[in-house]
Amino acid sequence: MNWVTIVAGALLFLAPFLTGYSGTPWALWTSLIMGAVIAVLGFMQSYKWAAIAGVVTFFAPWILGFNGIGAALWICLIVGGVVAILDGYRGFFLTRPA
């Protein structure tokens, strides 16, 4: 499942340039920083921290005030939600065999 986290982080990192909201500083830097953080946490297989980063990404448009930019809002909602749900399940609820 770590490949899903890595791909989600990479998509979030590239989203401002692919969807055209790179001119909005808060949306741009949120996508770049959180995309890099999520991808690195995916490589490290740190699912609990990736889930927390997903929740932060999910709520970032409202906290930082760029919820009026449709592309940035939906990218953060989708990527943040997917990462929070999948990595949250893996990190907090899935038990590892002994």
PDB file of N, CA and C in Angstrom:
ATOM      1  N   MET A   1       0.809  -1.191   0.000  1.00  0.00           N
ATOM      2  CA  MET A   1       0.000   0.000   0.000  1.00  0.00           C
ATOM      3  C   MET A   1       0.852   1.255   0.000  1.00  0.00           C
ATOM      4  N   ASN A   2       2.137   1.125   0.269  1.00  0.00           N
ATOM      5  CA  ASN A   2       2.958   2.329   0.299  1.00  0.00           C
ATOM      6  C   ASN A   2       3.084   2.962  -1.073  1.00  0.00           C
ATOM      7  N   TRP A   3       2.892   2.214  -2.142  1.00  0.00           N
ATOM      8  CA  TRP A   3       2.977   2.804  -3.473  1.00  0.00           C
ATOM      9  C   TRP A   3       1.814   3.766  -3.707  1.00  0.00           C
ATOM     10  N   VAL A   4       0.656   3.502  -3.108  1.00  0.00           N
ATOM     11  CA  VAL A   4      -0.478   4.420  -3.236  1.00  0.00           C
ATOM     12  C   VAL A   4      -0.136   5.753  -2.574  1.00  0.00           C
ATOM     13  N   THR A   5       0.493   5.690  -1.426  1.00  0.00           N
ATOM     14  CA  THR A   5       0.895   6.904  -0.718  1.00  0.00           C
ATOM     15  C   THR A   5       1.931   7.673  -1.514  1.00  0.00           C
ATOM     16  N   ILE A   6       2.884   6.979  -2.084  1.00  0.00           N
ATOM     17  CA  ILE A   6       3.935   7.629  -2.874  1.00  0.00           C
ATOM     18  C   ILE A   6       3.336   8.303  -4.108  1.00  0.00           C
ATOM     19  N   VAL A   7       2.467   7.604  -4.815  1.00  0.00           N
ATOM     20  CA  VAL A   7       1.830   8.167  -6.018  1.00  0.00           C
ATOM     21  C   VAL A   7       0.938   9.349  -5.644  1.00  0.00           C
ATOM     22  N   ALA A   8       0.191   9.237  -4.546  1.00  0.00           N
ATOM     23  CA  ALA A   8      -0.671  10.340  -4.109  1.00  0.00           C
ATOM     24  C   ALA A   8       0.166  11.572  -3.770  1.00  0.00           C
ATOM     25  N   GLY A   9       1.286  11.374  -3.082  1.00  0.00           N
ATOM     26  CA  GLY A   9       2.168  12.491  -2.769  1.00  0.00           C
ATOM     27  C   GLY A   9       2.748  13.131  -4.021  1.00  0.00           C
ATOM     28  N   ALA A  10       3.141  12.311  -4.979  1.00  0.00           N
ATOM     29  CA  ALA A  10       3.690  12.839  -6.230  1.00  0.00           C
ATOM     30  C   ALA A  10       2.630  13.618  -7.010  1.00  0.00           C
ATOM     31  N   LEU A  11       1.407  13.106  -7.033  1.00  0.00           N
ATOM     32  CA  LEU A  11       0.327  13.820  -7.723  1.00  0.00           C
ATOM     33  C   LEU A  11       0.022  15.158  -7.049  1.00  0.00           C
ATOM     34  N   LEU A  12       0.023  15.156  -5.730  1.00  0.00           N
ATOM     35  CA  LEU A  12      -0.209  16.406  -5.011  1.00  0.00           C
ATOM     36  C   LEU A  12       0.916  17.402  -5.278  1.00  0.00           C
ATOM     37  N   PHE A  13       2.144  16.925  -5.346  1.00  0.00           N
ATOM     38  CA  PHE A  13       3.296  17.779  -5.628  1.00  0.00           C
ATOM     39  C   PHE A  13       3.202  18.395  -7.031  1.00  0.00           C
ATOM     40  N   LEU A  14       2.754  17.623  -8.011  1.00  0.00           N
ATOM     41  CA  LEU A  14       2.691  18.086  -9.397  1.00  0.00           C
ATOM     42  C   LEU A  14       1.403  18.821  -9.739  1.00  0.00           C
ATOM     43  N   ALA A  15       0.379  18.704  -8.900  1.00  0.00           N
ATOM     44  CA  ALA A  15      -0.941  19.249  -9.198  1.00  0.00           C
ATOM     45  C   ALA A  15      -0.967  20.740  -9.519  1.00  0.00           C
ATOM     46  N   PRO A  16      -0.227  21.603  -8.814  1.00  0.00           N
ATOM     47  CA  PRO A  16      -0.308  23.038  -9.157  1.00  0.00           C
ATOM     48  C   PRO A  16       0.121  23.337 -10.590  1.00  0.00           C
ATOM     49  N   PHE A  17       1.052  22.572 -11.095  1.00  0.00           N
ATOM     50  CA  PHE A  17       1.561  22.816 -12.441  1.00  0.00           C
ATOM     51  C   PHE A  17       0.685  22.150 -13.502  1.00  0.00           C
ATOM     52  N   LEU A  18       0.041  21.053 -13.134  1.00  0.00           N
ATOM     53  CA  LEU A  18      -0.816  20.352 -14.080  1.00  0.00           C
ATOM     54  C   LEU A  18      -2.208  20.963 -14.180  1.00  0.00           C
ATOM     55  N   THR A  19      -2.693  21.551 -13.092  1.00  0.00           N
ATOM     56  CA  THR A  19      -4.051  22.081 -13.090  1.00  0.00           C
ATOM     57  C   THR A  19      -4.111  23.606 -13.114  1.00  0.00           C
ATOM     58  N   GLY A  20      -2.984  24.286 -12.973  1.00  0.00           N
ATOM     59  CA  GLY A  20      -2.937  25.717 -13.194  1.00  0.00           C
ATOM     60  C   GLY A  20      -3.164  26.622 -12.003  1.00  0.00           C
ATOM     61  N   TYR A  21      -2.982  26.140 -10.796  1.00  0.00           N
ATOM     62  CA  TYR A  21      -3.116  27.037  -9.657  1.00  0.00           C
ATOM     63  C   TYR A  21      -1.764  27.374  -9.033  1.00  0.00           C
ATOM     64  N   SER A  22      -0.723  27.334  -9.828  1.00  0.00           N
ATOM     65  CA  SER A  22       0.621  27.646  -9.322  1.00  0.00           C
ATOM     66  C   SER A  22       0.809  29.136  -9.050  1.00  0.00           C
ATOM     67  N   GLY A  23      -0.122  29.967  -9.462  1.00  0.00           N
ATOM     68  CA  GLY A  23      -0.031  31.396  -9.205  1.00  0.00           C
ATOM     69  C   GLY A  23      -0.582  31.810  -7.845  1.00  0.00           C
ATOM     70  N   THR A  24      -1.158  30.877  -7.123  1.00  0.00           N
ATOM     71  CA  THR A  24      -1.703  31.157  -5.796  1.00  0.00           C
ATOM     72  C   THR A  24      -0.738  30.618  -4.751  1.00  0.00           C
ATOM     73  N   PRO A  25      -0.058  31.495  -4.012  1.00  0.00           N
ATOM     74  CA  PRO A  25       1.021  31.044  -3.126  1.00  0.00           C
ATOM     75  C   PRO A  25       0.616  30.007  -2.074  1.00  0.00           C
ATOM     76  N   TRP A  26      -0.493  30.230  -1.353  1.00  0.00           N
ATOM     77  CA  TRP A  26      -0.859  29.284  -0.295  1.00  0.00           C
ATOM     78  C   TRP A  26      -1.181  27.915  -0.869  1.00  0.00           C
ATOM     79  N   ALA A  27      -1.908  27.882  -1.969  1.00  0.00           N
ATOM     80  CA  ALA A  27      -2.255  26.601  -2.589  1.00  0.00           C
ATOM     81  C   ALA A  27      -1.015  25.920  -3.163  1.00  0.00           C
ATOM     82  N   LEU A  28      -0.153  26.705  -3.790  1.00  0.00           N
ATOM     83  CA  LEU A  28       1.077  26.156  -4.362  1.00  0.00           C
ATOM     84  C   LEU A  28       1.954  25.524  -3.295  1.00  0.00           C
ATOM     85  N   TRP A  29       2.259  26.273  -2.241  1.00  0.00           N
ATOM     86  CA  TRP A  29       3.181  25.773  -1.226  1.00  0.00           C
ATOM     87  C   TRP A  29       2.583  24.637  -0.405  1.00  0.00           C
ATOM     88  N   THR A  30       1.283  24.666  -0.193  1.00  0.00           N
ATOM     89  CA  THR A  30       0.642  23.544   0.491  1.00  0.00           C
ATOM     90  C   THR A  30       0.797  22.268  -0.321  1.00  0.00           C
ATOM     91  N   SER A  31       0.547  22.362  -1.620  1.00  0.00           N
ATOM     92  CA  SER A  31       0.672  21.182  -2.478  1.00  0.00           C
ATOM     93  C   SER A  31       2.115  20.694  -2.555  1.00  0.00           C
ATOM     94  N   LEU A  32       3.059  21.602  -2.684  1.00  0.00           N
ATOM     95  CA  LEU A  32       4.462  21.199  -2.791  1.00  0.00           C
ATOM     96  C   LEU A  32       4.957  20.561  -1.492  1.00  0.00           C
ATOM     97  N   ILE A  33       4.703  21.215  -0.374  1.00  0.00           N
ATOM     98  CA  ILE A  33       5.215  20.713   0.900  1.00  0.00           C
ATOM     99  C   ILE A  33       4.508  19.428   1.315  1.00  0.00           C
ATOM    100  N   MET A  34       3.186  19.435   1.293  1.00  0.00           N
ATOM    101  CA  MET A  34       2.455  18.252   1.741  1.00  0.00           C
ATOM    102  C   MET A  34       2.634  17.086   0.759  1.00  0.00           C
ATOM    103  N   GLY A  35       2.769  17.382  -0.521  1.00  0.00           N
ATOM    104  CA  GLY A  35       3.037  16.318  -1.490  1.00  0.00           C
ATOM    105  C   GLY A  35       4.375  15.650  -1.228  1.00  0.00           C
ATOM    106  N   ALA A  36       5.394  16.452  -0.967  1.00  0.00           N
ATOM    107  CA  ALA A  36       6.714  15.897  -0.660  1.00  0.00           C
ATOM    108  C   ALA A  36       6.694  15.119   0.651  1.00  0.00           C
ATOM    109  N   VAL A  37       6.021  15.668   1.666  1.00  0.00           N
ATOM    110  CA  VAL A  37       5.943  14.987   2.968  1.00  0.00           C
ATOM    111  C   VAL A  37       5.235  13.650   2.835  1.00  0.00           C
ATOM    112  N   ILE A  38       4.111  13.622   2.125  1.00  0.00           N
ATOM    113  CA  ILE A  38       3.356  12.376   1.968  1.00  0.00           C
ATOM    114  C   ILE A  38       4.165  11.350   1.184  1.00  0.00           C
ATOM    115  N   ALA A  39       4.839  11.776   0.131  1.00  0.00           N
ATOM    116  CA  ALA A  39       5.647  10.833  -0.652  1.00  0.00           C
ATOM    117  C   ALA A  39       6.797  10.261   0.176  1.00  0.00           C
ATOM    118  N   VAL A  40       7.480  11.095   0.944  1.00  0.00           N
ATOM    119  CA  VAL A  40       8.585  10.622   1.785  1.00  0.00           C
ATOM    120  C   VAL A  40       8.069   9.662   2.859  1.00  0.00           C
ATOM    121  N   LEU A  41       6.936   9.993   3.468  1.00  0.00           N
ATOM    122  CA  LEU A  41       6.361   9.093   4.472  1.00  0.00           C
ATOM    123  C   LEU A  41       5.932   7.771   3.849  1.00  0.00           C
ATOM    124  N   GLY A  42       5.520   7.795   2.593  1.00  0.00           N
ATOM    125  CA  GLY A  42       5.212   6.555   1.890  1.00  0.00           C
ATOM    126  C   GLY A  42       6.454   5.697   1.691  1.00  0.00           C
ATOM    127  N   PHE A  43       7.563   6.330   1.330  1.00  0.00           N
ATOM    128  CA  PHE A  43       8.822   5.595   1.195  1.00  0.00           C
ATOM    129  C   PHE A  43       9.272   5.007   2.527  1.00  0.00           C
ATOM    130  N   MET A  44       9.045   5.755   3.600  1.00  0.00           N
ATOM    131  CA  MET A  44       9.463   5.302   4.930  1.00  0.00           C
ATOM    132  C   MET A  44       8.479   4.299   5.538  1.00  0.00           C
ATOM    133  N   GLN A  45       7.332   4.109   4.904  1.00  0.00           N
ATOM    134  CA  GLN A  45       6.257   3.245   5.392  1.00  0.00           C
ATOM    135  C   GLN A  45       5.798   3.658   6.787  1.00  0.00           C
ATOM    136  N   SER A  46       5.734   4.957   7.003  1.00  0.00           N
ATOM    137  CA  SER A  46       5.261   5.516   8.257  1.00  0.00           C
ATOM    138  C   SER A  46       3.792   5.898   8.075  1.00  0.00           C
ATOM    139  N   TYR A  47       2.919   4.904   8.221  1.00  0.00           N
ATOM    140  CA  TYR A  47       1.523   5.075   7.869  1.00  0.00           C
ATOM    141  C   TYR A  47       0.766   5.987   8.826  1.00  0.00           C
ATOM    142  N   LYS A  48       1.097   5.956  10.097  1.00  0.00           N
ATOM    143  CA  LYS A  48       0.399   6.835  11.043  1.00  0.00           C
ATOM    144  C   LYS A  48       0.668   8.297  10.728  1.00  0.00           C
ATOM    145  N   TRP A  49       1.916   8.642  10.483  1.00  0.00           N
ATOM    146  CA  TRP A  49       2.256  10.029  10.161  1.00  0.00           C
ATOM    147  C   TRP A  49       1.704  10.431   8.801  1.00  0.00           C
ATOM    148  N   ALA A  50       1.670   9.498   7.860  1.00  0.00           N
ATOM    149  CA  ALA A  50       1.092   9.800   6.549  1.00  0.00           C
ATOM    150  C   ALA A  50      -0.405  10.078   6.685  1.00  0.00           C
ATOM    151  N   ALA A  51      -1.091   9.333   7.554  1.00  0.00           N
ATOM    152  CA  ALA A  51      -2.514   9.569   7.776  1.00  0.00           C
ATOM    153  C   ALA A  51      -2.745  10.955   8.376  1.00  0.00           C
ATOM    154  N   ILE A  52      -1.893  11.350   9.307  1.00  0.00           N
ATOM    155  CA  ILE A  52      -2.012  12.687   9.900  1.00  0.00           C
ATOM    156  C   ILE A  52      -1.753  13.754   8.848  1.00  0.00           C
ATOM    157  N   ALA A  53      -0.762  13.538   7.989  1.00  0.00           N
ATOM    158  CA  ALA A  53      -0.494  14.485   6.896  1.00  0.00           C
ATOM    159  C   ALA A  53      -1.680  14.541   5.931  1.00  0.00           C
ATOM    160  N   GLY A  54      -2.345  13.411   5.715  1.00  0.00           N
ATOM    161  CA  GLY A  54      -3.538  13.391   4.874  1.00  0.00           C
ATOM    162  C   GLY A  54      -4.671  14.218   5.456  1.00  0.00           C
ATOM    163  N   VAL A  55      -4.863  14.138   6.764  1.00  0.00           N
ATOM    164  CA  VAL A  55      -5.901  14.944   7.427  1.00  0.00           C
ATOM    165  C   VAL A  55      -5.564  16.431   7.327  1.00  0.00           C
ATOM    166  N   VAL A  56      -4.303  16.768   7.536  1.00  0.00           N
ATOM    167  CA  VAL A  56      -3.878  18.170   7.412  1.00  0.00           C
ATOM    168  C   VAL A  56      -4.117  18.662   5.983  1.00  0.00           C
ATOM    169  N   THR A  57      -3.785  17.849   4.999  1.00  0.00           N
ATOM    170  CA  THR A  57      -3.992  18.215   3.600  1.00  0.00           C
ATOM    171  C   THR A  57      -5.481  18.385   3.292  1.00  0.00           C
ATOM    172  N   PHE A  58      -6.307  17.527   3.865  1.00  0.00           N
ATOM    173  CA  PHE A  58      -7.755  17.587   3.645  1.00  0.00           C
ATOM    174  C   PHE A  58      -8.339  18.907   4.135  1.00  0.00           C
ATOM    175  N   PHE A  59      -7.904  19.373   5.290  1.00  0.00           N
ATOM    176  CA  PHE A  59      -8.458  20.594   5.872  1.00  0.00           C
ATOM    177  C   PHE A  59      -7.687  21.869   5.503  1.00  0.00           C
ATOM    178  N   ALA A  60      -6.568  21.752   4.828  1.00  0.00           N
ATOM    179  CA  ALA A  60      -5.733  22.907   4.494  1.00  0.00           C
ATOM    180  C   ALA A  60      -6.453  23.985   3.677  1.00  0.00           C
ATOM    181  N   PRO A  61      -7.309  23.648   2.705  1.00  0.00           N
ATOM    182  CA  PRO A  61      -7.957  24.731   1.945  1.00  0.00           C
ATOM    183  C   PRO A  61      -8.772  25.688   2.812  1.00  0.00           C
ATOM    184  N   TRP A  62      -9.405  25.195   3.850  1.00  0.00           N
ATOM    185  CA  TRP A  62     -10.198  26.060   4.724  1.00  0.00           C
ATOM    186  C   TRP A  62      -9.318  26.770   5.742  1.00  0.00           C
ATOM    187  N   ILE A  63      -8.319  26.074   6.237  1.00  0.00           N
ATOM    188  CA  ILE A  63      -7.436  26.680   7.233  1.00  0.00           C
ATOM    189  C   ILE A  63      -6.619  27.819   6.611  1.00  0.00           C
ATOM    190  N   LEU A  64      -6.123  27.597   5.407  1.00  0.00           N
ATOM    191  CA  LEU A  64      -5.255  28.588   4.758  1.00  0.00           C
ATOM    192  C   LEU A  64      -5.999  29.518   3.806  1.00  0.00           C
ATOM    193  N   GLY A  65      -7.288  29.296   3.600  1.00  0.00           N
ATOM    194  CA  GLY A  65      -8.117  30.227   2.858  1.00  0.00           C
ATOM    195  C   GLY A  65      -8.068  30.144   1.352  1.00  0.00           C
ATOM    196  N   PHE A  66      -7.731  28.987   0.778  1.00  0.00           N
ATOM    197  CA  PHE A  66      -7.776  28.882  -0.678  1.00  0.00           C
ATOM    198  C   PHE A  66      -8.879  27.939  -1.145  1.00  0.00           C
ATOM    199  N   ASN A  67      -9.959  27.836  -0.362  1.00  0.00           N
ATOM    200  CA  ASN A  67     -11.069  26.964  -0.737  1.00  0.00           C
ATOM    201  C   ASN A  67     -11.882  27.523  -1.906  1.00  0.00           C
ATOM    202  N   GLY A  68     -11.636  28.741  -2.331  1.00  0.00           N
ATOM    203  CA  GLY A  68     -12.308  29.296  -3.494  1.00  0.00           C
ATOM    204  C   GLY A  68     -11.680  28.872  -4.819  1.00  0.00           C
ATOM    205  N   ILE A  69     -10.527  28.256  -4.774  1.00  0.00           N
ATOM    206  CA  ILE A  69      -9.849  27.782  -5.976  1.00  0.00           C
ATOM    207  C   ILE A  69     -10.235  26.319  -6.158  1.00  0.00           C
ATOM    208  N   GLY A  70     -11.106  26.066  -7.110  1.00  0.00           N
ATOM    209  CA  GLY A  70     -11.702  24.741  -7.281  1.00  0.00           C
ATOM    210  C   GLY A  70     -10.705  23.615  -7.452  1.00  0.00           C
ATOM    211  N   ALA A  71      -9.720  23.803  -8.307  1.00  0.00           N
ATOM    212  CA  ALA A  71      -8.755  22.728  -8.563  1.00  0.00           C
ATOM    213  C   ALA A  71      -7.955  22.401  -7.312  1.00  0.00           C
ATOM    214  N   ALA A  72      -7.496  23.418  -6.617  1.00  0.00           N
ATOM    215  CA  ALA A  72      -6.706  23.191  -5.409  1.00  0.00           C
ATOM    216  C   ALA A  72      -7.554  22.543  -4.323  1.00  0.00           C
ATOM    217  N   LEU A  73      -8.792  22.984  -4.201  1.00  0.00           N
ATOM    218  CA  LEU A  73      -9.694  22.401  -3.204  1.00  0.00           C
ATOM    219  C   LEU A  73      -9.896  20.926  -3.452  1.00  0.00           C
ATOM    220  N   TRP A  74     -10.253  20.552  -4.684  1.00  0.00           N
ATOM    221  CA  TRP A  74     -10.556  19.145  -4.973  1.00  0.00           C
ATOM    222  C   TRP A  74      -9.325  18.252  -4.910  1.00  0.00           C
ATOM    223  N   ILE A  75      -8.192  18.749  -5.345  1.00  0.00           N
ATOM    224  CA  ILE A  75      -6.964  17.953  -5.237  1.00  0.00           C
ATOM    225  C   ILE A  75      -6.654  17.665  -3.775  1.00  0.00           C
ATOM    226  N   CYS A  76      -6.742  18.685  -2.929  1.00  0.00           N
ATOM    227  CA  CYS A  76      -6.463  18.489  -1.498  1.00  0.00           C
ATOM    228  C   CYS A  76      -7.488  17.558  -0.858  1.00  0.00           C
ATOM    229  N   LEU A  77      -8.755  17.688  -1.231  1.00  0.00           N
ATOM    230  CA  LEU A  77      -9.786  16.817  -0.672  1.00  0.00           C
ATOM    231  C   LEU A  77      -9.580  15.361  -1.083  1.00  0.00           C
ATOM    232  N   ILE A  78      -9.321  15.143  -2.348  1.00  0.00           N
ATOM    233  CA  ILE A  78      -9.184  13.768  -2.845  1.00  0.00           C
ATOM    234  C   ILE A  78      -7.910  13.123  -2.319  1.00  0.00           C
ATOM    235  N   VAL A  79      -6.774  13.776  -2.510  1.00  0.00           N
ATOM    236  CA  VAL A  79      -5.510  13.185  -2.073  1.00  0.00           C
ATOM    237  C   VAL A  79      -5.466  13.072  -0.548  1.00  0.00           C
ATOM    238  N   GLY A  80      -5.857  14.120   0.148  1.00  0.00           N
ATOM    239  CA  GLY A  80      -5.864  14.070   1.605  1.00  0.00           C
ATOM    240  C   GLY A  80      -6.796  12.999   2.134  1.00  0.00           C
ATOM    241  N   GLY A  81      -7.966  12.878   1.543  1.00  0.00           N
ATOM    242  CA  GLY A  81      -8.915  11.854   1.977  1.00  0.00           C
ATOM    243  C   GLY A  81      -8.428  10.450   1.725  1.00  0.00           C
ATOM    244  N   VAL A  82      -7.885  10.201   0.542  1.00  0.00           N
ATOM    245  CA  VAL A  82      -7.375   8.863   0.211  1.00  0.00           C
ATOM    246  C   VAL A  82      -6.234   8.480   1.138  1.00  0.00           C
ATOM    247  N   VAL A  83      -5.299   9.389   1.330  1.00  0.00           N
ATOM    248  CA  VAL A  83      -4.151   9.099   2.198  1.00  0.00           C
ATOM    249  C   VAL A  83      -4.604   8.903   3.644  1.00  0.00           C
ATOM    250  N   ALA A  84      -5.499   9.751   4.130  1.00  0.00           N
ATOM    251  CA  ALA A  84      -5.962   9.632   5.510  1.00  0.00           C
ATOM    252  C   ALA A  84      -6.690   8.318   5.740  1.00  0.00           C
ATOM    253  N   ILE A  85      -7.539   7.918   4.813  1.00  0.00           N
ATOM    254  CA  ILE A  85      -8.312   6.686   4.998  1.00  0.00           C
ATOM    255  C   ILE A  85      -7.437   5.449   4.851  1.00  0.00           C
ATOM    256  N   LEU A  86      -6.689   5.355   3.762  1.00  0.00           N
ATOM    257  CA  LEU A  86      -5.901   4.146   3.520  1.00  0.00           C
ATOM    258  C   LEU A  86      -4.756   3.986   4.522  1.00  0.00           C
ATOM    259  N   ASP A  87      -4.003   5.055   4.736  1.00  0.00           N
ATOM    260  CA  ASP A  87      -2.882   4.953   5.666  1.00  0.00           C
ATOM    261  C   ASP A  87      -3.351   4.946   7.114  1.00  0.00           C
ATOM    262  N   GLY A  88      -4.467   5.600   7.386  1.00  0.00           N
ATOM    263  CA  GLY A  88      -5.023   5.546   8.731  1.00  0.00           C
ATOM    264  C   GLY A  88      -5.460   4.134   9.090  1.00  0.00           C
ATOM    265  N   TYR A  89      -6.079   3.451   8.145  1.00  0.00           N
ATOM    266  CA  TYR A  89      -6.464   2.068   8.384  1.00  0.00           C
ATOM    267  C   TYR A  89      -5.226   1.202   8.598  1.00  0.00           C
ATOM    268  N   ARG A  90      -4.265   1.377   7.718  1.00  0.00           N
ATOM    269  CA  ARG A  90      -3.044   0.570   7.807  1.00  0.00           C
ATOM    270  C   ARG A  90      -2.244   0.870   9.076  1.00  0.00           C
ATOM    271  N   GLY A  91      -2.144   2.106   9.447  1.00  0.00           N
ATOM    272  CA  GLY A  91      -1.320   2.498  10.575  1.00  0.00           C
ATOM    273  C   GLY A  91      -1.971   2.318  11.932  1.00  0.00           C
ATOM    274  N   PHE A  92      -3.292   2.542  12.001  1.00  0.00           N
ATOM    275  CA  PHE A  92      -3.952   2.530  13.299  1.00  0.00           C
ATOM    276  C   PHE A  92      -4.772   1.273  13.581  1.00  0.00           C
ATOM    277  N   PHE A  93      -5.280   0.609  12.551  1.00  0.00           N
ATOM    278  CA  PHE A  93      -6.198  -0.491  12.793  1.00  0.00           C
ATOM    279  C   PHE A  93      -5.694  -1.855  12.352  1.00  0.00           C
ATOM    280  N   LEU A  94      -4.820  -1.906  11.389  1.00  0.00           N
ATOM    281  CA  LEU A  94      -4.339  -3.181  10.881  1.00  0.00           C
ATOM    282  C   LEU A  94      -3.218  -3.702  11.807  1.00  0.00           C
ATOM    283  N   THR A  95      -3.427  -4.857  12.341  1.00  0.00           N
ATOM    284  CA  THR A  95      -2.394  -5.440  13.226  1.00  0.00           C
ATOM    285  C   THR A  95      -1.395  -6.205  12.385  1.00  0.00           C
ATOM    286  N   ARG A  96      -0.173  -6.146  12.792  1.00  0.00           N
ATOM    287  CA  ARG A  96       0.901  -6.838  12.075  1.00  0.00           C
ATOM    288  C   ARG A  96       1.087  -8.227  12.681  1.00  0.00           C
ATOM    289  N   PRO A  97       1.333  -9.195  11.824  1.00  0.00           N
ATOM    290  CA  PRO A  97       1.553 -10.551  12.364  1.00  0.00           C
ATOM    291  C   PRO A  97       2.852 -10.627  13.168  1.00  0.00           C
ATOM    292  N   ALA A  98       2.821 -11.449  14.193  1.00  0.00           N
ATOM    293  CA  ALA A  98       3.994 -11.572  15.079  1.00  0.00           C
ATOM    294  C   ALA A  98       5.077 -12.439  14.500  1.00  0.00           C
TER     295      ALA A  98
END
